[in-house]
């Protein structure tokens, strides 16, 4: 049985980090924890883990944002399914979970970004009914 729930401290947090590291290999566990805490305090960023038989096999990180263009919405910062568990529909289940959370929050929209050159992710999101509407630029980040 697969269970999706908010990730707490302790062993669950370390297991979620191990999965997240596949998406964000540049972050040490300490950096991951510090950034998650700051994002949680500022924007309500929440890490959800997908667990199967007690093992974390996928992670979703999202927060509520309010912007002039989009208004209030949930923003998916992170979505990763662990190696060895991909192509099982788990990413789609996490997106449906996010849609449920958006509905529970008053029918909010959802938004996310993915790498412009990362074709597998772009194909996945488009297959799941998402539309590419913008190109994101950045400057001055490490």
Protein backbone atom coordinates (compact mmCIF):
# COMPACT_ATOMS: atom_id res chain seq x y z
CA UNK A 1 0.00 0.00 0.00
CA UNK A 2 1.22 3.47 -0.89
CA UNK A 3 0.80 6.31 1.60
CA UNK A 4 1.47 10.04 1.00
CA UNK A 5 2.00 12.14 4.10
CA UNK A 6 3.83 15.18 5.41
CA UNK A 7 7.39 14.28 6.32
CA UNK A 8 8.34 14.77 9.94
CA UNK A 9 11.73 14.94 11.61
CA UNK A 10 13.92 11.95 12.30
CA UNK A 11 14.33 8.91 10.07
CA UNK A 12 11.52 10.00 7.71
CA UNK A 13 13.35 13.28 7.06
CA UNK A 14 16.60 11.49 6.23
CA UNK A 15 14.77 9.09 3.91
CA UNK A 16 13.06 12.00 2.15
CA UNK A 17 16.42 13.74 1.77
CA UNK A 18 17.91 10.61 0.20
CA UNK A 19 15.19 10.73 -2.46
CA UNK A 20 15.34 14.53 -2.87
CA UNK A 21 19.09 14.30 -3.37
CA UNK A 22 18.43 12.54 -6.68
CA UNK A 23 16.82 15.78 -7.87
CA UNK A 24 19.00 18.23 -5.91
CA UNK A 25 22.44 16.56 -5.65
CA UNK A 26 24.14 19.88 -4.84
CA UNK A 27 22.45 20.08 -1.41
CA UNK A 28 23.96 18.49 1.66
CA UNK A 29 21.49 17.23 4.23
CA UNK A 30 22.24 20.28 6.41
CA UNK A 31 21.58 22.68 3.50
CA UNK A 32 18.43 20.79 2.55
CA UNK A 33 17.13 21.00 6.11
CA UNK A 34 18.01 24.68 6.50
CA UNK A 35 16.42 25.68 3.19
CA UNK A 36 13.29 23.65 3.89
CA UNK A 37 12.91 25.27 7.32
CA UNK A 38 13.37 28.77 5.93
CA UNK A 39 10.90 28.12 3.09
CA UNK A 40 8.44 26.62 5.57
CA UNK A 41 8.71 29.66 7.86
CA UNK A 42 8.36 32.14 4.98
CA UNK A 43 5.87 30.44 2.65
CA UNK A 44 4.54 27.33 4.34
CA UNK A 45 6.70 25.04 2.21
CA UNK A 46 5.84 21.45 3.04
CA UNK A 47 7.61 18.23 2.15
CA UNK A 48 5.40 15.24 1.48
CA UNK A 49 6.77 11.74 1.16
CA UNK A 50 5.30 8.81 -0.68
CA UNK A 51 5.91 5.67 1.34
CA UNK A 52 5.63 2.04 0.37
CA UNK A 53 6.19 -0.60 3.03
CA UNK A 54 7.80 2.07 5.22
CA UNK A 55 10.32 3.20 2.58
CA UNK A 56 10.22 6.70 1.10
CA UNK A 57 10.00 6.23 -2.68
CA UNK A 58 9.03 9.74 -3.84
CA UNK A 59 8.99 13.31 -2.54
CA UNK A 60 6.88 16.37 -3.27
CA UNK A 61 7.70 19.83 -1.94
CA UNK A 62 5.20 22.67 -2.35
CA UNK A 63 4.07 25.97 -0.88
CA UNK A 64 1.32 28.53 -1.20
CA UNK A 65 2.26 31.67 -3.09
CA UNK A 66 0.43 34.86 -3.97
CA UNK A 67 1.57 36.76 -7.05
CA UNK A 68 0.05 39.60 -9.03
CA UNK A 69 -0.05 37.57 -12.24
CA UNK A 70 -1.28 34.25 -10.85
CA UNK A 71 -2.98 35.28 -7.61
CA UNK A 72 -2.97 32.71 -4.82
CA UNK A 73 -1.83 29.25 -5.91
CA UNK A 74 0.20 26.25 -4.84
CA UNK A 75 3.69 26.10 -6.28
CA UNK A 76 5.39 22.74 -6.67
CA UNK A 77 9.09 23.28 -6.03
CA UNK A 78 10.14 19.65 -6.04
CA UNK A 79 8.78 16.39 -7.39
CA UNK A 80 11.03 13.36 -7.60
CA UNK A 81 10.48 9.63 -7.73
CA UNK A 82 13.39 7.49 -6.50
CA UNK A 83 15.48 5.48 -8.93
CA UNK A 84 14.03 2.02 -9.27
CA UNK A 85 10.47 3.25 -8.70
CA UNK A 86 9.96 5.34 -11.83
CA UNK A 87 7.50 4.45 -14.61
CA UNK A 88 4.96 3.16 -12.08
CA UNK A 89 2.64 6.17 -12.20
CA UNK A 90 3.91 7.52 -8.88
CA UNK A 91 4.69 10.99 -10.21
CA UNK A 92 1.15 11.20 -11.58
CA UNK A 93 -0.18 10.18 -8.14
CA UNK A 94 1.84 12.98 -6.54
CA UNK A 95 0.40 15.49 -9.02
CA UNK A 96 -3.13 14.31 -8.21
CA UNK A 97 -2.27 14.66 -4.51
CA UNK A 98 -1.17 18.26 -5.19
CA UNK A 99 -4.41 18.89 -7.10
CA UNK A 100 -6.36 17.58 -4.10
CA UNK A 101 -4.44 19.91 -1.77
CA UNK A 102 -5.16 22.85 -4.11
CA UNK A 103 -8.86 21.98 -4.13
CA UNK A 104 -8.91 21.71 -0.32
CA UNK A 105 -7.27 25.15 -0.12
CA UNK A 106 -10.21 26.75 -1.90
CA UNK A 107 -9.75 25.69 -5.50
CA UNK A 108 -6.31 27.17 -5.96
CA UNK A 109 -4.37 26.70 -9.16
CA UNK A 110 -1.06 24.87 -9.37
CA UNK A 111 2.21 25.99 -10.91
CA UNK A 112 5.68 24.49 -11.33
CA UNK A 113 8.86 24.94 -13.33
CA UNK A 114 11.18 22.37 -14.83
CA UNK A 115 14.47 22.62 -16.66
CA UNK A 116 14.06 23.87 -20.21
CA UNK A 117 16.33 21.11 -21.53
CA UNK A 118 14.89 18.30 -19.40
CA UNK A 119 12.67 16.70 -22.02
CA UNK A 120 11.54 13.66 -19.97
CA UNK A 121 10.01 15.95 -17.31
CA UNK A 122 8.43 18.21 -19.92
CA UNK A 123 6.85 15.22 -21.68
CA UNK A 124 5.63 13.88 -18.31
CA UNK A 125 3.94 17.14 -17.29
CA UNK A 126 2.37 17.62 -20.71
CA UNK A 127 1.08 14.02 -20.65
CA UNK A 128 -0.48 14.84 -17.25
CA UNK A 129 -2.37 17.81 -18.71
CA UNK A 130 -0.02 20.66 -17.79
CA UNK A 131 0.73 23.46 -20.26
CA UNK A 132 4.09 25.16 -20.76
CA UNK A 133 3.31 28.88 -20.57
CA UNK A 134 6.56 30.69 -19.80
CA UNK A 135 10.32 30.58 -19.84
CA UNK A 136 11.97 31.35 -16.48
CA UNK A 137 15.15 33.41 -16.31
CA UNK A 138 17.52 33.78 -13.41
CA UNK A 139 20.65 35.73 -12.60
CA UNK A 140 23.06 35.79 -9.71
CA UNK A 141 22.31 32.37 -8.25
CA UNK A 142 25.00 29.93 -7.28
